Amino acid sequence: MIKGRKGVNNILRVLAVCGMGLGSALLLKMNIEEVLKDAGIEAKVEAADISIARGPNVDLIITSPGLAPRLGDVSAKIVTIHSFFDKNEMREKVLAALGIKD
């Protein structure tokens, strides 16, 4: 999943999900991109609303605790973020989900 790690060359695919797929998903997307870039992880991050979040083939879905149960059965790891502004929370939870120690 992570380019350059353990011989795996696929780019991490991440979906930032909010209720409507507009403002908060875009804010989450930009902050997650920054967190991953700072950690040296190459990723393709997209924003989406909850209604289409189950469709894309992604490695990681990042959303709020209130929306996570509505995702149902997905193959991606789900990370819940309480504050879409808190980059420390994002970094801690995303890296933990990827099995990377900070």
C-alpha atoms as a PDB file:
ATOM      1  CA  MET A   1       0.000   0.000   0.000  1.00  0.00           C
ATOM      2  CA  ILE A   2       2.764   2.452   0.786  1.00  0.00           C
ATOM      3  CA  LYS A   3       5.157   3.294  -2.012  1.00  0.00           C
ATOM      4  CA  GLY A   4       8.730   2.416  -1.281  1.00  0.00           C
ATOM      5  CA  ARG A   5       8.039   0.295   1.812  1.00  0.00           C
ATOM      6  CA  LYS A   6       8.867  -3.409   1.871  1.00  0.00           C
ATOM      7  CA  GLY A   7       8.956  -3.661  -1.924  1.00  0.00           C
ATOM      8  CA  VAL A   8       5.337  -2.587  -2.348  1.00  0.00           C
ATOM      9  CA  ASN A   9       4.961   0.007  -5.081  1.00  0.00           C
ATOM     10  CA  ASN A  10       1.246   0.753  -5.021  1.00  0.00           C
ATOM     11  CA  ILE A  11       0.116   4.206  -3.989  1.00  0.00           C
ATOM     12  CA  LEU A  12      -2.088   4.352  -0.890  1.00  0.00           C
ATOM     13  CA  ARG A  13      -5.687   5.153  -1.815  1.00  0.00           C
ATOM     14  CA  VAL A  14      -7.604   7.190   0.762  1.00  0.00           C
ATOM     15  CA  LEU A  15     -11.193   8.445   0.817  1.00  0.00           C
ATOM     16  CA  ALA A  16     -12.190  11.407   3.004  1.00  0.00           C
ATOM     17  CA  VAL A  17     -15.912  11.069   3.743  1.00  0.00           C
ATOM     18  CA  CYS A  18     -18.484  13.500   5.108  1.00  0.00           C
ATOM     19  CA  GLY A  19     -22.263  13.636   5.004  1.00  0.00           C
ATOM     20  CA  MET A  20     -22.619  15.732   1.867  1.00  0.00           C
ATOM     21  CA  GLY A  21     -19.157  15.450   0.238  1.00  0.00           C
ATOM     22  CA  LEU A  22     -18.658  19.188   0.173  1.00  0.00           C
ATOM     23  CA  GLY A  23     -16.856  21.466   2.610  1.00  0.00           C
ATOM     24  CA  SER A  24     -15.862  19.167   5.440  1.00  0.00           C
ATOM     25  CA  ALA A  25     -14.741  16.342   3.148  1.00  0.00           C
ATOM     26  CA  LEU A  26     -12.553  18.763   1.207  1.00  0.00           C
ATOM     27  CA  LEU A  27     -11.080  20.150   4.435  1.00  0.00           C
ATOM     28  CA  LEU A  28     -10.420  16.608   5.649  1.00  0.00           C
ATOM     29  CA  LYS A  29      -8.876  15.683   2.281  1.00  0.00           C
ATOM     30  CA  MET A  30      -6.453  18.624   2.345  1.00  0.00           C
ATOM     31  CA  ASN A  31      -5.410  17.957   5.945  1.00  0.00           C
ATOM     32  CA  ILE A  32      -4.936  14.225   5.359  1.00  0.00           C
ATOM     33  CA  GLU A  33      -2.827  14.959   2.265  1.00  0.00           C
ATOM     34  CA  GLU A  34      -0.610  17.211   4.380  1.00  0.00           C
ATOM     35  CA  VAL A  35      -0.298  14.640   7.174  1.00  0.00           C
ATOM     36  CA  LEU A  36       0.627  11.862   4.733  1.00  0.00           C
ATOM     37  CA  LYS A  37       3.088  14.070   2.841  1.00  0.00           C
ATOM     38  CA  ASP A  38       4.784  15.070   6.119  1.00  0.00           C
ATOM     39  CA  ALA A  39       5.089  11.357   6.964  1.00  0.00           C
ATOM     40  CA  GLY A  40       6.657  10.641   3.561  1.00  0.00           C
ATOM     41  CA  ILE A  41       3.708   8.568   2.352  1.00  0.00           C
ATOM     42  CA  GLU A  42       2.600   8.915  -1.247  1.00  0.00           C
ATOM     43  CA  ALA A  43      -1.170   8.731  -1.494  1.00  0.00           C
ATOM     44  CA  LYS A  44      -4.109   9.566  -3.676  1.00  0.00           C
ATOM     45  CA  VAL A  45      -6.732  11.193  -1.461  1.00  0.00           C
ATOM     46  CA  GLU A  46     -10.270  11.873  -2.673  1.00  0.00           C
ATOM     47  CA  ALA A  47     -13.301  13.486  -1.056  1.00  0.00           C
ATOM     48  CA  ALA A  48     -16.735  11.856  -1.157  1.00  0.00           C
ATOM     49  CA  ASP A  49     -20.127  11.890   0.487  1.00  0.00           C
ATOM     50  CA  ILE A  50     -21.461   9.000   2.542  1.00  0.00           C
ATOM     51  CA  SER A  51     -23.770   7.771  -0.230  1.00  0.00           C
ATOM     52  CA  ILE A  52     -20.906   6.827  -2.579  1.00  0.00           C
ATOM     53  CA  ALA A  53     -18.258   5.960   0.010  1.00  0.00           C
ATOM     54  CA  ARG A  54     -18.987   2.228  -0.193  1.00  0.00           C
ATOM     55  CA  GLY A  55     -18.254   2.027  -3.919  1.00  0.00           C
ATOM     56  CA  PRO A  56     -14.635   3.029  -4.527  1.00  0.00           C
ATOM     57  CA  ASN A  57     -11.841   0.520  -4.104  1.00  0.00           C
ATOM     58  CA  VAL A  58      -9.703   2.270  -1.470  1.00  0.00           C
ATOM     59  CA  ASP A  59      -7.286   1.232   1.260  1.00  0.00           C
ATOM     60  CA  LEU A  60      -8.400   3.670   3.925  1.00  0.00           C
ATOM     61  CA  ILE A  61     -11.604   5.598   4.632  1.00  0.00           C
ATOM     62  CA  ILE A  62     -11.384   8.562   6.969  1.00  0.00           C
ATOM     63  CA  THR A  63     -14.582   9.976   8.418  1.00  0.00           C
ATOM     64  CA  SER A  64     -16.312  11.170  11.572  1.00  0.00           C
ATOM     65  CA  PRO A  65     -17.396   8.779  14.350  1.00  0.00           C
ATOM     66  CA  GLY A  66     -21.035   9.569  13.538  1.00  0.00           C
ATOM     67  CA  LEU A  67     -20.750   8.513   9.906  1.00  0.00           C
ATOM     68  CA  ALA A  68     -18.538   5.428  10.314  1.00  0.00           C
ATOM     69  CA  PRO A  69     -21.401   3.051  11.238  1.00  0.00           C
ATOM     70  CA  ARG A  70     -23.276   4.102   8.085  1.00  0.00           C
ATOM     71  CA  LEU A  71     -20.466   2.796   5.870  1.00  0.00           C
ATOM     72  CA  GLY A  72     -21.547  -0.763   6.469  1.00  0.00           C
ATOM     73  CA  ASP A  73     -19.320  -3.633   5.388  1.00  0.00           C
ATOM     74  CA  VAL A  74     -16.372  -2.239   3.443  1.00  0.00           C
ATOM     75  CA  SER A  75     -12.997  -3.813   2.752  1.00  0.00           C
ATOM     76  CA  ALA A  76     -11.058  -0.631   3.573  1.00  0.00           C
ATOM     77  CA  LYS A  77      -9.800   0.223   7.033  1.00  0.00           C
ATOM     78  CA  ILE A  78     -11.942   2.926   8.606  1.00  0.00           C
ATOM     79  CA  VAL A  79     -10.361   5.698  10.662  1.00  0.00           C
ATOM     80  CA  THR A  80     -12.593   8.039  12.634  1.00  0.00           C
ATOM     81  CA  ILE A  81     -11.514  11.597  13.308  1.00  0.00           C
ATOM     82  CA  HIS A  82     -13.250  13.739  15.928  1.00  0.00           C
ATOM     83  CA  SER A  83     -11.846  17.070  14.711  1.00  0.00           C
ATOM     84  CA  PHE A  84     -11.159  17.609  11.022  1.00  0.00           C
ATOM     85  CA  PHE A  85      -8.849  20.473  12.075  1.00  0.00           C
ATOM     86  CA  ASP A  86      -6.681  18.414  14.455  1.00  0.00           C
ATOM     87  CA  LYS A  87      -3.715  17.255  12.379  1.00  0.00           C
ATOM     88  CA  ASN A  88      -2.112  15.595  15.402  1.00  0.00           C
ATOM     89  CA  GLU A  89      -5.169  13.359  15.859  1.00  0.00           C
ATOM     90  CA  MET A  90      -5.149  12.584  12.132  1.00  0.00           C
ATOM     91  CA  ARG A  91      -1.452  11.761  12.089  1.00  0.00           C
ATOM     92  CA  GLU A  92      -1.701   9.508  15.143  1.00  0.00           C
ATOM     93  CA  LYS A  93      -4.751   7.581  13.943  1.00  0.00           C
ATOM     94  CA  VAL A  94      -3.798   7.281  10.258  1.00  0.00           C
ATOM     95  CA  LEU A  95      -0.257   6.109  10.967  1.00  0.00           C
ATOM     96  CA  ALA A  96      -1.584   3.619  13.535  1.00  0.00           C
ATOM     97  CA  ALA A  97      -4.061   2.274  10.973  1.00  0.00           C
ATOM     98  CA  LEU A  98      -1.180   1.820   8.533  1.00  0.00           C
ATOM     99  CA  GLY A  99       0.922   0.069  11.152  1.00  0.00           C
ATOM    100  CA  ILE A 100       3.529   2.833  11.247  1.00  0.00           C
ATOM    101  CA  LYS A 101       4.970   3.958  14.560  1.00  0.00           C
ATOM    102  CA  ASP A 102       5.262   7.715  14.850  1.00  0.00           C
END
